């Protein structure tokens, strides 16, 4: 599940490198929302929320979410400059 950390952390890292070069204040990093979506093969999947991993979805429902995560959410933005730059904003809210 490193993608949930890499996406947000990557945004902050890129922003903070540019901030350092420009001599402006960096943005603080935090990861308040934590989820796990584990694919368990033919059985389905398990989706949890929170650092204490409260189970929210199982089987087919969680599997559908995992498929959506892997096919839509974690892919790079479209090859459009404005879209790509907007998606790099470290202050984008995490749903």
Protein backbone atom coordinates (compact mmCIF):
# COMPACT_ATOMS: atom_id res chain seq x y z
CA UNK A 1 0.00 0.00 0.00
CA UNK A 2 2.87 2.35 -0.55
CA UNK A 3 0.93 4.19 -3.25
CA UNK A 4 -1.16 6.06 -0.68
CA UNK A 5 2.01 7.40 0.90
CA UNK A 6 3.97 7.88 -2.32
CA UNK A 7 1.36 10.02 -4.04
CA UNK A 8 0.90 12.51 -1.20
CA UNK A 9 4.51 12.34 -0.06
CA UNK A 10 5.70 12.80 -3.65
CA UNK A 11 3.61 15.94 -4.04
CA UNK A 12 5.08 17.40 -0.87
CA UNK A 13 8.63 16.35 -1.73
CA UNK A 14 8.49 17.96 -5.17
CA UNK A 15 6.92 21.10 -3.78
CA UNK A 16 9.46 21.32 -0.97
CA UNK A 17 12.45 20.87 -3.27
CA UNK A 18 11.15 23.74 -5.40
CA UNK A 19 10.46 25.77 -2.24
CA UNK A 20 14.02 25.19 -1.06
CA UNK A 21 15.46 26.30 -4.40
CA UNK A 22 13.25 29.41 -4.39
CA UNK A 23 13.95 30.16 -0.73
CA UNK A 24 10.31 29.95 0.36
CA UNK A 25 8.72 28.00 3.20
CA UNK A 26 8.05 24.29 2.59
CA UNK A 27 4.67 22.67 3.17
CA UNK A 28 4.44 20.30 6.15
CA UNK A 29 3.65 16.66 5.39
CA UNK A 30 1.06 14.67 7.29
CA UNK A 31 -0.86 11.49 6.54
CA UNK A 32 -4.10 11.80 8.54
CA UNK A 33 -6.09 9.42 6.33
CA UNK A 34 -4.85 5.85 6.22
CA UNK A 35 -6.54 3.00 4.37
CA UNK A 36 -5.65 -0.53 3.36
CA UNK A 37 -7.19 -2.39 0.43
CA UNK A 38 -5.78 -5.90 0.21
CA UNK A 39 -6.62 -8.14 -2.76
CA UNK A 40 -7.17 -11.73 -1.63
CA UNK A 41 -7.56 -13.39 -5.01
CA UNK A 42 -10.77 -15.22 -5.92
CA UNK A 43 -12.26 -14.64 -2.45
CA UNK A 44 -12.31 -10.88 -2.98
CA UNK A 45 -10.57 -8.20 -0.97
CA UNK A 46 -10.60 -6.41 2.38
CA UNK A 47 -10.77 -2.63 2.74
CA UNK A 48 -9.94 -0.98 6.07
CA UNK A 49 -9.76 2.60 7.30
CA UNK A 50 -7.70 4.22 10.02
CA UNK A 51 -4.40 3.39 11.62
CA UNK A 52 -6.25 0.75 13.68
CA UNK A 53 -7.60 -0.81 10.43
CA UNK A 54 -11.36 -0.87 10.95
CA UNK A 55 -12.87 -3.22 8.33
CA UNK A 56 -15.28 -1.31 6.09
CA UNK A 57 -15.69 -3.52 2.99
CA UNK A 58 -15.09 -7.20 2.21
CA UNK A 59 -15.31 -9.68 -0.67
CA UNK A 60 -16.76 -8.43 -3.99
CA UNK A 61 -17.43 -4.89 -2.78
CA UNK A 62 -13.84 -4.44 -1.63
CA UNK A 63 -12.54 -6.18 -4.77
CA UNK A 64 -14.42 -3.67 -6.95
CA UNK A 65 -12.81 -0.82 -5.00
CA UNK A 66 -9.34 -2.41 -5.33
CA UNK A 67 -9.85 -2.73 -9.09
CA UNK A 68 -10.85 0.93 -9.29
CA UNK A 69 -7.79 1.94 -7.27
CA UNK A 70 -5.45 -0.06 -9.52
CA UNK A 71 -6.99 1.00 -12.83
CA UNK A 72 -8.05 4.62 -12.24
CA UNK A 73 -6.81 6.28 -9.07
CA UNK A 74 -3.08 5.59 -9.01
CA UNK A 75 -2.30 6.21 -12.66
CA UNK A 76 -0.50 9.37 -13.78
CA UNK A 77 -2.67 12.27 -14.97
CA UNK A 78 -3.54 12.69 -18.63
CA UNK A 79 -0.80 14.10 -20.86
CA UNK A 80 -2.04 17.64 -20.35
CA UNK A 81 0.25 20.22 -18.77
CA UNK A 82 -2.43 21.99 -16.71
CA UNK A 83 -3.84 18.69 -15.40
CA UNK A 84 -0.39 17.34 -14.54
CA UNK A 85 0.66 20.50 -12.70
CA UNK A 86 -2.66 20.70 -10.83
CA UNK A 87 -2.30 17.09 -9.66
CA UNK A 88 1.13 17.93 -8.20
CA UNK A 89 -0.37 20.38 -5.70
CA UNK A 90 0.52 19.05 -2.23
CA UNK A 91 -2.57 20.68 -0.74
CA UNK A 92 -5.04 18.59 -2.77
CA UNK A 93 -7.55 17.17 -0.29
CA UNK A 94 -7.45 13.41 0.13
CA UNK A 95 -10.98 12.03 -0.05
